[in-house]
């Protein structure tokens, strides 16, 4: 599997650069504030519709969560976008046993309360106009590989232009009080409830 690499100089530069390009390319980026439990790691589950998604959550982590950032990406992006590995990206090199190893690695990351792991449960890019977010099975493998002392955070991001030349991005966050027994169906259902509520909020925005 491909693991994150450490380089403080590269990390610091791209941490600044991500903030710079979000401010440059968007009229506004709004997101919810929330309390963070210091004694538990964070698993962030987010919809995936654009190149920007990981950068939005990286920025929110820097401003709100303040954890060690990790994100599960595919092998192509890990290799193609060279700096991702220095921002906490990890990936399975190939299918089969390596995928299992990668998901177990993510579970171990979640055993450290200093860590945040971002996962896009859809597995691929889909339209921002979906009515329902599908979940791949790997999410549960990751949770079950951990000691389950996790804060699960739902993130739903949407983009609208309104009357501006540049778009505005909105990320709606929810801390899910997870049950002791978590199933894929339960997780998917709870996330989609948050997603539906976020769509309603987004549709009520007027400029």
Protein backbone atom coordinates (compact mmCIF):
# COMPACT_ATOMS: atom_id res chain seq x y z
CA UNK A 1 0.00 0.00 0.00
CA UNK A 2 0.99 3.63 -0.46
CA UNK A 3 1.45 5.44 2.85
CA UNK A 4 1.66 9.16 3.71
CA UNK A 5 5.13 10.75 3.68
CA UNK A 6 6.56 13.32 6.06
CA UNK A 7 8.05 16.59 4.86
CA UNK A 8 7.28 19.61 7.03
CA UNK A 9 8.34 22.13 4.37
CA UNK A 10 6.07 20.66 1.65
CA UNK A 11 3.22 20.28 4.15
CA UNK A 12 3.52 23.91 5.31
CA UNK A 13 3.62 25.24 1.75
CA UNK A 14 0.57 23.32 0.55
CA UNK A 15 -1.31 24.05 3.77
CA UNK A 16 -0.87 27.74 2.91
CA UNK A 17 -1.50 27.16 -0.81
CA UNK A 18 -4.83 25.34 -0.29
CA UNK A 19 -6.10 28.24 1.81
CA UNK A 20 -4.85 30.64 -0.88
CA UNK A 21 -6.57 28.90 -3.84
CA UNK A 22 -9.87 28.48 -1.98
CA UNK A 23 -9.92 32.22 -1.24
CA UNK A 24 -8.83 33.01 -4.80
CA UNK A 25 -11.27 30.74 -6.68
CA UNK A 26 -14.37 31.02 -4.47
CA UNK A 27 -16.49 34.02 -3.54
CA UNK A 28 -17.02 32.41 -0.13
CA UNK A 29 -16.48 29.14 1.72
CA UNK A 30 -18.87 28.61 4.61
CA UNK A 31 -18.90 25.68 7.03
CA UNK A 32 -20.34 24.77 10.41
CA UNK A 33 -18.42 25.16 13.65
CA UNK A 34 -18.48 22.31 16.15
CA UNK A 35 -17.02 21.10 19.42
CA UNK A 36 -14.18 18.61 19.05
CA UNK A 37 -13.57 15.83 21.57
CA UNK A 38 -9.80 15.69 22.14
CA UNK A 39 -9.85 12.11 23.45
CA UNK A 40 -11.15 10.44 20.26
CA UNK A 41 -10.06 10.27 16.64
CA UNK A 42 -12.28 11.51 13.81
CA UNK A 43 -13.69 9.65 10.85
CA UNK A 44 -15.09 12.19 8.37
CA UNK A 45 -17.50 10.83 5.74
CA UNK A 46 -18.13 13.20 2.84
CA UNK A 47 -19.83 13.36 -0.55
CA UNK A 48 -17.46 13.39 -3.53
CA UNK A 49 -18.28 15.51 -6.57
CA UNK A 50 -15.17 17.54 -7.40
CA UNK A 51 -11.39 17.92 -7.38
CA UNK A 52 -11.85 20.35 -4.47
CA UNK A 53 -13.49 18.02 -1.95
CA UNK A 54 -10.38 16.87 -0.07
CA UNK A 55 -9.02 20.43 0.00
CA UNK A 56 -12.25 21.78 1.52
CA UNK A 57 -12.02 19.25 4.35
CA UNK A 58 -8.27 19.81 4.77
CA UNK A 59 -9.04 23.53 5.24
CA UNK A 60 -11.86 22.78 7.73
CA UNK A 61 -9.54 20.49 9.67
CA UNK A 62 -6.98 23.28 9.88
CA UNK A 63 -9.59 25.77 11.14
CA UNK A 64 -11.98 23.63 13.22
CA UNK A 65 -10.88 20.06 13.98
CA UNK A 66 -7.11 20.65 14.30
CA UNK A 67 -6.21 16.94 14.00
CA UNK A 68 -3.51 15.10 12.03
CA UNK A 69 -5.11 14.93 8.57
CA UNK A 70 -5.31 11.67 6.58
CA UNK A 71 -7.34 10.92 3.47
CA UNK A 72 -7.98 7.70 1.58
CA UNK A 73 -7.47 8.26 -2.17
CA UNK A 74 -7.11 5.94 -5.16
CA UNK A 75 -3.69 4.84 -6.43
CA UNK A 76 -3.99 6.96 -9.58
CA UNK A 77 -4.45 10.20 -7.65
CA UNK A 78 -1.80 9.24 -5.10
CA UNK A 79 0.75 8.92 -7.93
CA UNK A 80 -0.55 11.65 -10.26
CA UNK A 81 -0.95 14.45 -7.69
CA UNK A 82 2.51 14.20 -6.16
CA UNK A 83 2.01 16.43 -3.11
CA UNK A 84 -1.05 14.55 -1.76
CA UNK A 85 1.15 12.00 -0.01
CA UNK A 86 2.67 14.84 2.04
CA UNK A 87 -0.81 15.97 3.14
CA UNK A 88 -1.70 12.61 4.67
CA UNK A 89 -2.98 10.73 1.60
CA UNK A 90 -2.77 6.93 1.55
CA UNK A 91 -4.00 4.39 -1.01
CA UNK A 92 -4.19 0.73 -1.96
CA UNK A 93 -1.61 -0.11 -4.64
CA UNK A 94 -3.78 -2.77 -6.23
CA UNK A 95 -6.98 -4.72 -5.69
CA UNK A 96 -7.46 -7.72 -3.42
CA UNK A 97 -5.29 -8.22 -0.35
CA UNK A 98 -3.76 -4.74 -0.60
CA UNK A 99 -7.21 -3.10 -0.26
CA UNK A 100 -7.81 -5.03 2.96
CA UNK A 101 -4.37 -4.01 4.27
CA UNK A 102 -5.13 -0.35 3.45
CA UNK A 103 -8.51 -0.43 5.23
CA UNK A 104 -6.90 -2.08 8.28
CA UNK A 105 -4.21 0.63 8.20
CA UNK A 106 -6.98 3.28 8.29
CA UNK A 107 -8.51 1.47 11.28
CA UNK A 108 -5.19 1.66 13.13
CA UNK A 109 -4.95 5.39 12.33
CA UNK A 110 -8.33 5.80 14.03
CA UNK A 111 -6.92 4.29 17.24
CA UNK A 112 -4.87 7.47 17.76
CA UNK A 113 -7.04 10.33 19.14
CA UNK A 114 -4.76 12.86 17.41
CA UNK A 115 -5.80 11.59 13.95
CA UNK A 116 -8.51 12.46 11.47
CA UNK A 117 -9.28 10.15 8.53
CA UNK A 118 -11.32 11.50 5.62
CA UNK A 119 -13.16 8.97 3.47
CA UNK A 120 -15.40 9.43 0.45
CA UNK A 121 -17.70 6.41 0.90
CA UNK A 122 -19.00 6.63 -2.69
CA UNK A 123 -15.55 5.56 -3.88
CA UNK A 124 -15.78 7.61 -7.10
CA UNK A 125 -16.75 11.09 -8.25
CA UNK A 126 -20.48 11.70 -8.76
CA UNK A 127 -22.64 14.72 -9.55
CA UNK A 128 -23.31 17.36 -6.88
CA UNK A 129 -27.03 16.88 -7.66
CA UNK A 130 -27.42 13.30 -6.44
CA UNK A 131 -30.46 12.54 -4.32
CA UNK A 132 -28.82 9.61 -2.50
CA UNK A 133 -25.22 8.88 -1.46
CA UNK A 134 -24.14 5.27 -1.88
CA UNK A 135 -21.64 3.63 0.51
CA UNK A 136 -18.98 1.12 -0.50
CA UNK A 137 -18.38 -1.76 1.94
CA UNK A 138 -14.83 -0.67 2.86
CA UNK A 139 -16.05 1.93 5.38
CA UNK A 140 -17.20 -0.80 7.78
CA UNK A 141 -13.95 -2.75 7.38
CA UNK A 142 -12.12 0.39 8.48
CA UNK A 143 -14.37 0.96 11.52
CA UNK A 144 -14.21 -2.70 12.56
CA UNK A 145 -10.39 -2.68 12.28
CA UNK A 146 -10.28 0.10 14.89
CA UNK A 147 -10.99 0.08 18.63
CA UNK A 148 -14.12 2.10 17.76
CA UNK A 149 -13.27 5.09 19.96
CA UNK A 150 -14.15 7.39 17.08
CA UNK A 151 -16.01 10.64 16.48
CA UNK A 152 -17.94 10.09 13.25
CA UNK A 153 -18.52 13.35 11.36
CA UNK A 154 -20.83 13.70 8.36
CA UNK A 155 -19.87 16.37 5.81
CA UNK A 156 -22.05 17.43 2.87
CA UNK A 157 -20.66 20.05 0.49
CA UNK A 158 -22.50 21.99 -2.22
CA UNK A 159 -21.53 24.73 -4.66
CA UNK A 160 -23.70 27.56 -6.03
CA UNK A 161 -22.93 30.71 -8.03
CA UNK A 162 -25.98 32.93 -7.45
CA UNK A 163 -25.21 36.42 -8.82
CA UNK A 164 -21.41 36.16 -8.58
CA UNK A 165 -18.78 35.26 -11.17
CA UNK A 166 -17.12 32.91 -8.68
CA UNK A 167 -18.97 30.11 -6.90
CA UNK A 168 -19.56 29.85 -3.17
CA UNK A 169 -19.03 26.56 -1.35
CA UNK A 170 -20.99 25.40 1.68
CA UNK A 171 -20.08 22.44 3.90
CA UNK A 172 -22.67 21.21 6.39
CA UNK A 173 -21.21 19.21 9.29
CA UNK A 174 -22.85 16.92 11.80
CA UNK A 175 -21.39 14.90 14.66
CA UNK A 176 -23.17 11.54 14.58
CA UNK A 177 -23.73 9.91 17.95
CA UNK A 178 -22.98 6.43 16.71
CA UNK A 179 -24.57 3.35 18.20
CA UNK A 180 -22.46 0.67 19.85
CA UNK A 181 -23.33 -1.61 16.95
CA UNK A 182 -22.79 0.13 13.62
CA UNK A 183 -23.82 -1.49 10.34
CA UNK A 184 -23.22 -0.23 6.82
CA UNK A 185 -26.96 0.23 6.33
CA UNK A 186 -27.30 2.23 9.56
CA UNK A 187 -24.34 4.44 8.66
CA UNK A 188 -25.58 5.02 5.11
CA UNK A 189 -29.09 5.82 6.33
CA UNK A 190 -27.83 8.29 8.97
CA UNK A 191 -25.50 9.99 6.47
CA UNK A 192 -28.26 10.34 3.88
CA UNK A 193 -30.56 11.88 6.48
CA UNK A 194 -27.87 14.52 7.12
CA UNK A 195 -27.37 14.93 3.36
CA UNK A 196 -31.12 15.46 2.79
CA UNK A 197 -31.28 18.05 5.60
CA UNK A 198 -28.23 19.81 4.10
CA UNK A 199 -29.93 19.96 0.67
CA UNK A 200 -32.95 21.61 2.29
CA UNK A 201 -30.70 24.22 3.97
CA UNK A 202 -28.84 24.81 0.70
CA UNK A 203 -32.11 25.29 -1.21
CA UNK A 204 -33.22 27.91 1.33
CA UNK A 205 -30.20 30.11 0.62
CA UNK A 206 -31.11 33.33 -1.20
CA UNK A 207 -28.75 36.03 -2.42
